[in-house]
Amino acid sequence: MSSNGLDPYRARLDALDEQIARLLGERFDICREIAAYKSAHAIPMMQPDRVQQVRARYLRRGADVGLPADFTEALFELLIGATCKLEDELMGLEQGGLEQGTAAEGEAGGRR
């Protein structure tokens, strides 16, 4: 199959995709640790001030590297929504069952 000279670019993209997947895995691992810590110390899952700090940092960093603002916003919402849902579920399990209202049902970026 002809790649029209694209193989070097594709190899670089493949390597970056591997790094992104590894880093996301590490981020989710840390969120699991956060959920355990919050459960052990009776800290609510929802941390709106922290979410706003992280959101602002994402938008700033995205702009610094030339990412489109709508992409950065969507990526943030997806990532924070997924990790908040994970924390909410883990904290519910550690407390003996899922509590009413998960992060996925609330605003996607309003927790952490």
C-alpha atoms as a PDB file:
ATOM      1  CA  MET A   1       0.000   0.000   0.000  1.00  0.00           C
ATOM      2  CA  SER A   2       1.424   3.345  -1.050  1.00  0.00           C
ATOM      3  CA  SER A   3       1.741   5.964   1.671  1.00  0.00           C
ATOM      4  CA  ASN A   4       2.727   8.804  -0.641  1.00  0.00           C
ATOM      5  CA  GLY A   5       5.662   9.626   1.629  1.00  0.00           C
ATOM      6  CA  LEU A   6       3.450   9.932   4.712  1.00  0.00           C
ATOM      7  CA  ASP A   7       5.070   7.127   6.726  1.00  0.00           C
ATOM      8  CA  PRO A   8       7.414   9.389   8.732  1.00  0.00           C
ATOM      9  CA  TYR A   9       4.510  11.643   9.714  1.00  0.00           C
ATOM     10  CA  ARG A  10       2.297   8.719  10.568  1.00  0.00           C
ATOM     11  CA  ALA A  11       5.049   7.193  12.715  1.00  0.00           C
ATOM     12  CA  ARG A  12       5.334  10.458  14.652  1.00  0.00           C
ATOM     13  CA  LEU A  13       1.558  10.581  15.120  1.00  0.00           C
ATOM     14  CA  ASP A  14       1.523   6.949  16.273  1.00  0.00           C
ATOM     15  CA  ALA A  15       4.226   7.703  18.855  1.00  0.00           C
ATOM     16  CA  LEU A  16       2.311  10.744  20.101  1.00  0.00           C
ATOM     17  CA  ASP A  17      -0.901   8.727  20.316  1.00  0.00           C
ATOM     18  CA  GLU A  18       0.922   6.168  22.472  1.00  0.00           C
ATOM     19  CA  GLN A  19       2.126   8.933  24.791  1.00  0.00           C
ATOM     20  CA  ILE A  20      -1.344  10.488  24.993  1.00  0.00           C
ATOM     21  CA  ALA A  21      -2.922   7.128  25.883  1.00  0.00           C
ATOM     22  CA  ARG A  22      -0.258   6.473  28.533  1.00  0.00           C
ATOM     23  CA  LEU A  23      -0.697   9.928  30.053  1.00  0.00           C
ATOM     24  CA  LEU A  24      -4.475   9.623  30.102  1.00  0.00           C
ATOM     25  CA  GLY A  25      -4.110   6.257  31.815  1.00  0.00           C
ATOM     26  CA  GLU A  26      -1.878   7.856  34.441  1.00  0.00           C
ATOM     27  CA  ARG A  27      -4.394  10.671  34.914  1.00  0.00           C
ATOM     28  CA  PHE A  28      -7.205   8.177  35.481  1.00  0.00           C
ATOM     29  CA  ASP A  29      -5.000   6.249  37.942  1.00  0.00           C
ATOM     30  CA  ILE A  30      -4.472   9.438  39.932  1.00  0.00           C
ATOM     31  CA  CYS A  31      -8.216  10.089  39.884  1.00  0.00           C
ATOM     32  CA  ARG A  32      -8.731   6.627  41.373  1.00  0.00           C
ATOM     33  CA  GLU A  33      -6.310   7.561  44.152  1.00  0.00           C
ATOM     34  CA  ILE A  34      -8.139  10.864  44.662  1.00  0.00           C
ATOM     35  CA  ALA A  35     -11.456   9.029  44.977  1.00  0.00           C
ATOM     36  CA  ALA A  36     -10.002   6.727  47.632  1.00  0.00           C
ATOM     37  CA  TYR A  37      -8.518   9.675  49.524  1.00  0.00           C
ATOM     38  CA  LYS A  38     -11.753  11.651  49.380  1.00  0.00           C
ATOM     39  CA  SER A  39     -13.710   8.645  50.618  1.00  0.00           C
ATOM     40  CA  ALA A  40     -11.273   7.979  53.451  1.00  0.00           C
ATOM     41  CA  HIS A  41     -11.339  11.619  54.568  1.00  0.00           C
ATOM     42  CA  ALA A  42     -15.033  12.353  53.981  1.00  0.00           C
ATOM     43  CA  ILE A  43     -14.236  14.946  51.320  1.00  0.00           C
ATOM     44  CA  PRO A  44     -17.073  15.585  48.863  1.00  0.00           C
ATOM     45  CA  MET A  45     -16.431  14.507  45.296  1.00  0.00           C
ATOM     46  CA  MET A  46     -17.589  17.859  43.960  1.00  0.00           C
ATOM     47  CA  GLN A  47     -14.832  20.490  44.118  1.00  0.00           C
ATOM     48  CA  PRO A  48     -16.097  23.356  41.890  1.00  0.00           C
ATOM     49  CA  ASP A  49     -13.234  25.755  42.661  1.00  0.00           C
ATOM     50  CA  ARG A  50     -10.671  23.160  41.605  1.00  0.00           C
ATOM     51  CA  VAL A  51     -12.581  22.449  38.401  1.00  0.00           C
ATOM     52  CA  GLN A  52     -12.558  26.132  37.503  1.00  0.00           C
ATOM     53  CA  GLN A  53      -8.798  26.317  38.119  1.00  0.00           C
ATOM     54  CA  VAL A  54      -8.159  23.266  35.945  1.00  0.00           C
ATOM     55  CA  ARG A  55     -10.487  24.575  33.223  1.00  0.00           C
ATOM     56  CA  ALA A  56      -8.738  27.954  33.103  1.00  0.00           C
ATOM     57  CA  ARG A  57      -5.353  26.227  32.954  1.00  0.00           C
ATOM     58  CA  TYR A  58      -6.515  23.961  30.107  1.00  0.00           C
ATOM     59  CA  LEU A  59      -7.805  26.885  28.080  1.00  0.00           C
ATOM     60  CA  ARG A  60      -4.628  28.879  28.685  1.00  0.00           C
ATOM     61  CA  ARG A  61      -2.315  25.999  27.801  1.00  0.00           C
ATOM     62  CA  GLY A  62      -4.350  25.167  24.725  1.00  0.00           C
ATOM     63  CA  ALA A  63      -4.103  28.765  23.534  1.00  0.00           C
ATOM     64  CA  ASP A  64      -0.357  28.791  24.264  1.00  0.00           C
ATOM     65  CA  VAL A  65       0.205  25.893  21.860  1.00  0.00           C
ATOM     66  CA  GLY A  66      -2.196  27.071  19.178  1.00  0.00           C
ATOM     67  CA  LEU A  67      -5.110  24.699  19.789  1.00  0.00           C
ATOM     68  CA  PRO A  68      -8.547  25.894  18.699  1.00  0.00           C
ATOM     69  CA  ALA A  69     -10.461  27.120  21.758  1.00  0.00           C
ATOM     70  CA  ASP A  70     -13.531  25.012  20.947  1.00  0.00           C
ATOM     71  CA  PHE A  71     -11.371  21.872  20.754  1.00  0.00           C
ATOM     72  CA  THR A  72      -9.681  22.654  24.060  1.00  0.00           C
ATOM     73  CA  GLU A  73     -13.042  23.304  25.720  1.00  0.00           C
ATOM     74  CA  ALA A  74     -14.543  20.082  24.354  1.00  0.00           C
ATOM     75  CA  LEU A  75     -11.489  18.062  25.397  1.00  0.00           C
ATOM     76  CA  PHE A  76     -11.649  19.529  28.895  1.00  0.00           C
ATOM     77  CA  GLU A  77     -15.363  18.769  29.234  1.00  0.00           C
ATOM     78  CA  LEU A  78     -14.878  15.195  28.012  1.00  0.00           C
ATOM     79  CA  LEU A  79     -11.882  14.505  30.234  1.00  0.00           C
ATOM     80  CA  ILE A  80     -13.245  16.120  33.376  1.00  0.00           C
ATOM     81  CA  GLY A  81     -16.672  14.598  32.844  1.00  0.00           C
ATOM     82  CA  ALA A  82     -15.175  11.101  32.525  1.00  0.00           C
ATOM     83  CA  THR A  83     -12.850  11.432  35.500  1.00  0.00           C
ATOM     84  CA  CYS A  84     -15.559  12.943  37.694  1.00  0.00           C
ATOM     85  CA  LYS A  85     -17.873  10.084  36.766  1.00  0.00           C
ATOM     86  CA  LEU A  86     -15.110   7.629  37.665  1.00  0.00           C
ATOM     87  CA  GLU A  87     -14.511   9.300  41.030  1.00  0.00           C
ATOM     88  CA  ASP A  88     -18.227   9.445  41.766  1.00  0.00           C
ATOM     89  CA  GLU A  89     -18.676   5.754  40.978  1.00  0.00           C
ATOM     90  CA  LEU A  90     -15.625   4.682  42.979  1.00  0.00           C
ATOM     91  CA  MET A  91     -16.608   6.798  45.962  1.00  0.00           C
ATOM     92  CA  GLY A  92     -20.117   5.343  45.823  1.00  0.00           C
ATOM     93  CA  LEU A  93     -18.730   1.816  45.767  1.00  0.00           C
ATOM     94  CA  GLU A  94     -16.371   2.546  48.653  1.00  0.00           C
ATOM     95  CA  GLN A  95     -19.305   3.908  50.629  1.00  0.00           C
ATOM     96  CA  GLY A  96     -21.372   0.787  50.054  1.00  0.00           C
ATOM     97  CA  GLY A  97     -23.260   1.654  46.890  1.00  0.00           C
ATOM     98  CA  LEU A  98     -23.761   4.382  44.364  1.00  0.00           C
ATOM     99  CA  GLU A  99     -25.331   7.493  45.768  1.00  0.00           C
ATOM    100  CA  GLN A 100     -28.048   9.325  43.921  1.00  0.00           C
ATOM    101  CA  GLY A 101     -26.831  11.662  41.201  1.00  0.00           C
ATOM    102  CA  THR A 102     -23.563  10.864  39.548  1.00  0.00           C
ATOM    103  CA  ALA A 103     -21.154  13.316  38.005  1.00  0.00           C
ATOM    104  CA  ALA A 104     -22.400  12.293  34.581  1.00  0.00           C
ATOM    105  CA  GLU A 105     -25.875  13.547  35.478  1.00  0.00           C
ATOM    106  CA  GLY A 106     -24.607  16.916  36.653  1.00  0.00           C
ATOM    107  CA  GLU A 107     -22.621  19.484  34.747  1.00  0.00           C
ATOM    108  CA  ALA A 108     -19.664  17.710  33.192  1.00  0.00           C
ATOM    109  CA  GLY A 109     -17.069  20.230  34.302  1.00  0.00           C
ATOM    110  CA  GLY A 110     -18.504  21.192  37.667  1.00  0.00           C
ATOM    111  CA  ARG A 111     -16.620  18.740  39.839  1.00  0.00           C
ATOM    112  CA  ARG A 112     -13.237  17.575  40.985  1.00  0.00           C
END
